[in-house]
Amino acid sequence: MLRLLFIMLFCLFLSGCGSQRSTFVLLPDPGGKVGKISVTNSHGIRILEQAGQSVTVNSKIEPPGKTKIMADSKIRSIFGKAMDIQPLEPAKFLFYFEFESIRLKPESKEGLRKVLEIAAERNSVDISINGHTDSAGDAAYNYKLSLRRAEHIQRLLEKLGIDPAIVVTNSHGEGNPLVPTADNVYEPRNRRVEVIIR
């Protein structure tokens, strides 16, 4: 899965000339992880790989300037309004199942009410329910089983009050395992349904 980076671009139009000045700042994702970006034009390149690191490009005919760390207060003063309207990260819930079954494992049952709470808090109108299996057995059978698991979770959530009109249910079968394995491997962590609330 690609790590989501928050990259802010700030453009200042210089008065009296047609050039554009752009400032780039690398911010951590909501989990605190920081990736890396390159700021490039035909005259040079700068790599940003630390939280708060910034670079300004003054014009198309100059290389990007030197990198520097921008103070949190300055980041807030420039980008605060944009940062405040960023959408929340999707909330993800995992529900695990018994082997070759749509029976939830006991510890997974508790998460159903939490899905309802988070969906209500966010006024969500976009919930996806994705069924998965491990790689043991026939792929076509596993596809159908993972769909049955996803539909089972959907029914349980609807009984708790989730509007079916905001739910999309999918089957991944053996695809997209949580724990990559060889074919025909029994892996309980791959026998799951993922519920994603946006």
Protein backbone atom coordinates (compact mmCIF):
# COMPACT_ATOMS: atom_id res chain seq x y z
CA MET A 1 0.00 0.00 0.00
CA LEU A 2 1.30 3.39 -0.90
CA ARG A 3 1.90 5.71 1.98
CA LEU A 4 -0.15 8.88 1.78
CA LEU A 5 1.94 12.02 1.97
CA PHE A 6 0.62 15.46 2.67
CA ILE A 7 2.46 17.77 0.33
CA MET A 8 1.52 21.40 0.44
CA LEU A 9 2.12 23.72 -2.47
CA PHE A 10 2.02 27.43 -1.87
CA CYS A 11 2.15 29.85 -4.81
CA LEU A 12 2.96 33.52 -4.52
CA PHE A 13 2.55 35.64 -7.61
CA LEU A 14 5.24 38.28 -7.67
CA SER A 15 3.92 41.72 -8.49
CA GLY A 16 5.14 43.34 -11.67
CA CYS A 17 6.38 40.18 -13.38
CA GLY A 18 4.96 37.02 -14.87
CA SER A 19 7.02 34.57 -12.84
CA GLN A 20 5.57 32.33 -10.17
CA ARG A 21 7.18 31.40 -6.87
CA SER A 22 6.22 28.06 -5.34
CA THR A 23 7.05 26.69 -1.90
CA PHE A 24 6.84 22.96 -1.16
CA VAL A 25 6.70 21.54 2.38
CA LEU A 26 6.78 17.86 3.32
CA LEU A 27 4.42 16.97 6.15
CA PRO A 28 4.01 13.64 7.94
CA ASP A 29 0.91 11.54 7.42
CA PRO A 30 -1.60 11.29 10.30
CA GLY A 31 0.36 8.34 11.71
CA GLY A 32 3.56 10.40 11.87
CA LYS A 33 5.31 8.67 8.98
CA VAL A 34 7.30 10.76 6.54
CA GLY A 35 8.04 9.76 2.97
CA LYS A 36 10.09 11.57 0.39
CA ILE A 37 9.43 13.87 -2.57
CA SER A 38 11.63 15.41 -5.22
CA VAL A 39 11.10 18.96 -6.45
CA THR A 40 12.48 19.18 -9.97
CA ASN A 41 12.66 21.57 -12.86
CA SER A 42 14.93 21.73 -15.91
CA HIS A 43 17.64 23.47 -13.85
CA GLY A 44 17.90 21.21 -10.80
CA ILE A 45 16.42 18.90 -8.21
CA ARG A 46 15.93 18.99 -4.43
CA ILE A 47 14.88 16.02 -2.29
CA LEU A 48 12.64 16.55 0.74
CA GLU A 49 12.71 13.67 3.24
CA GLN A 50 12.28 15.19 6.71
CA ALA A 51 9.11 16.44 8.35
CA GLY A 52 8.79 20.19 7.83
CA GLN A 53 11.52 20.30 5.20
CA SER A 54 10.78 22.89 2.53
CA VAL A 55 12.12 24.29 -0.70
CA THR A 56 11.16 27.31 -2.77
CA VAL A 57 11.30 27.55 -6.54
CA ASN A 58 11.50 31.22 -7.50
CA SER A 59 11.05 30.85 -11.24
CA LYS A 60 11.19 28.44 -14.17
CA ILE A 61 14.67 29.63 -15.10
CA GLU A 62 16.30 29.03 -11.69
CA PRO A 63 17.04 25.76 -9.89
CA PRO A 64 15.06 24.98 -6.74
CA GLY A 65 16.48 26.83 -3.73
CA LYS A 66 18.18 25.30 -0.72
CA THR A 67 16.15 23.00 1.51
CA LYS A 68 15.38 24.13 5.04
CA ILE A 69 13.14 23.15 7.92
CA MET A 70 10.07 25.35 8.19
CA ALA A 71 8.87 26.10 11.73
CA ASP A 72 5.52 24.59 12.72
CA SER A 73 4.16 28.07 13.42
CA LYS A 74 5.02 29.21 9.90
CA ILE A 75 3.55 26.05 8.35
CA ARG A 76 0.37 26.75 10.30
CA SER A 77 0.27 30.41 9.27
CA ILE A 78 0.68 29.59 5.56
CA PHE A 79 -1.17 26.28 5.23
CA GLY A 80 -3.45 26.21 8.29
CA LYS A 81 -6.71 26.72 6.41
CA ALA A 82 -5.86 24.02 3.87
CA MET A 83 -4.77 21.62 6.63
CA ASP A 84 -7.98 22.20 8.58
CA ILE A 85 -10.18 21.11 5.69
CA GLN A 86 -8.25 17.93 4.88
CA PRO A 87 -10.64 14.95 4.91
CA LEU A 88 -10.23 12.46 7.71
CA GLU A 89 -8.24 9.36 6.97
CA PRO A 90 -10.52 6.40 6.23
CA ALA A 91 -11.32 4.32 9.31
CA LYS A 92 -10.65 0.61 8.80
CA PHE A 93 -12.02 -2.34 10.77
CA LEU A 94 -11.05 -6.00 10.40
CA PHE A 95 -13.40 -8.91 11.13
CA TYR A 96 -11.96 -12.43 11.22
CA PHE A 97 -13.73 -15.69 10.40
CA GLU A 98 -13.56 -19.36 11.19
CA PHE A 99 -12.12 -21.62 8.50
CA GLU A 100 -14.43 -22.21 5.50
CA SER A 101 -17.21 -20.35 7.24
CA ILE A 102 -19.07 -17.08 7.63
CA ARG A 103 -18.94 -17.49 11.43
CA LEU A 104 -17.19 -14.54 13.01
CA LYS A 105 -14.46 -15.25 15.52
CA PRO A 106 -15.71 -14.18 18.98
CA GLU A 107 -13.23 -11.30 19.31
CA SER A 108 -14.44 -9.79 16.04
CA LYS A 109 -18.08 -9.44 17.10
CA GLU A 110 -17.28 -6.51 19.37
CA GLY A 111 -16.15 -4.33 16.45
CA LEU A 112 -19.57 -4.14 14.80
CA ARG A 113 -20.92 -1.47 17.16
CA LYS A 114 -17.71 0.54 16.74
CA VAL A 115 -18.34 0.67 12.96
CA LEU A 116 -21.79 2.09 13.69
CA GLU A 117 -20.35 4.70 16.08
CA ILE A 118 -17.63 5.90 13.70
CA ALA A 119 -20.01 6.01 10.72
CA ALA A 120 -22.40 8.17 12.77
CA GLU A 121 -19.61 10.46 14.05
CA ARG A 122 -18.43 11.11 10.51
CA ASN A 123 -21.88 11.30 8.95
CA SER A 124 -20.47 8.80 6.48
CA VAL A 125 -22.12 8.18 3.15
CA ASP A 126 -19.38 5.85 1.89
CA ILE A 127 -18.72 2.46 3.47
CA SER A 128 -17.01 -0.38 1.65
CA ILE A 129 -17.10 -3.98 2.85
CA ASN A 130 -14.42 -6.19 1.31
CA GLY A 131 -14.36 -9.95 1.79
CA HIS A 132 -11.16 -12.03 1.76
CA THR A 133 -10.02 -15.63 2.23
CA ASP A 134 -6.71 -17.37 2.66
CA SER A 135 -5.17 -19.23 -0.28
CA ALA A 136 -6.20 -22.71 0.86
CA GLY A 137 -8.56 -24.42 -1.58
CA ASP A 138 -10.09 -23.53 -4.91
CA ALA A 139 -9.89 -19.88 -6.05
CA ALA A 140 -13.47 -19.81 -7.40
CA TYR A 141 -14.81 -21.25 -4.14
CA ASN A 142 -12.78 -18.71 -2.15
CA TYR A 143 -14.18 -15.85 -4.22
CA LYS A 144 -17.73 -16.91 -3.38
CA LEU A 145 -16.85 -17.50 0.27
CA SER A 146 -15.32 -14.05 0.65
CA LEU A 147 -18.44 -12.51 -0.91
CA ARG A 148 -20.64 -14.43 1.53
CA ARG A 149 -18.49 -13.11 4.40
CA ALA A 150 -18.80 -9.53 3.18
CA GLU A 151 -22.57 -9.86 2.72
CA HIS A 152 -22.85 -11.36 6.22
CA ILE A 153 -21.10 -8.34 7.73
CA GLN A 154 -23.32 -6.04 5.67
CA ARG A 155 -26.46 -7.73 7.03
CA LEU A 156 -25.18 -7.46 10.61
CA LEU A 157 -24.40 -3.77 10.16
CA GLU A 158 -27.79 -3.10 8.58
CA LYS A 159 -29.47 -4.72 11.61
CA LEU A 160 -27.55 -2.23 13.77
CA GLY A 161 -28.79 0.70 11.68
CA ILE A 162 -26.31 1.24 8.83
CA ASP A 163 -28.14 2.48 5.73
CA PRO A 164 -27.64 -0.09 2.92
CA ALA A 165 -27.67 2.73 0.37
CA ILE A 166 -24.22 3.92 1.53
CA VAL A 167 -22.60 0.46 1.45
CA VAL A 168 -20.65 -1.18 -1.37
CA THR A 169 -19.78 -4.85 -0.90
CA ASN A 170 -16.91 -6.55 -2.75
CA SER A 171 -15.19 -9.91 -2.90
CA HIS A 172 -11.44 -10.23 -3.24
CA GLY A 173 -11.25 -13.98 -2.69
CA GLU A 174 -7.59 -14.94 -2.30
CA GLY A 175 -6.46 -11.58 -3.73
CA ASN A 176 -4.97 -8.85 -1.56
CA PRO A 177 -3.93 -11.03 1.38
CA LEU A 178 -3.11 -9.30 4.64
CA VAL A 179 -0.27 -11.81 5.08
CA PRO A 180 1.27 -12.86 1.73
CA THR A 181 1.59 -16.65 1.46
CA ALA A 182 2.20 -19.34 -1.12
CA ASP A 183 -0.81 -21.06 -2.70
CA ASN A 184 -2.85 -23.48 -0.54
CA VAL A 185 -1.67 -22.04 2.78
CA TYR A 186 -4.02 -21.84 5.78
CA GLU A 187 -3.60 -18.34 7.21
CA PRO A 188 -6.26 -17.18 9.71
CA ARG A 189 -5.34 -13.50 9.35
CA ASN A 190 -6.31 -13.62 5.66
CA ARG A 191 -9.80 -14.95 6.45
CA ARG A 192 -11.28 -11.53 7.02
CA VAL A 193 -13.63 -8.77 6.00
CA GLU A 194 -12.35 -5.22 5.89
CA VAL A 195 -14.84 -2.44 6.52
CA ILE A 196 -13.63 0.97 5.39
CA ILE A 197 -15.50 4.13 6.40
CA ARG A 198 -14.82 7.32 4.49
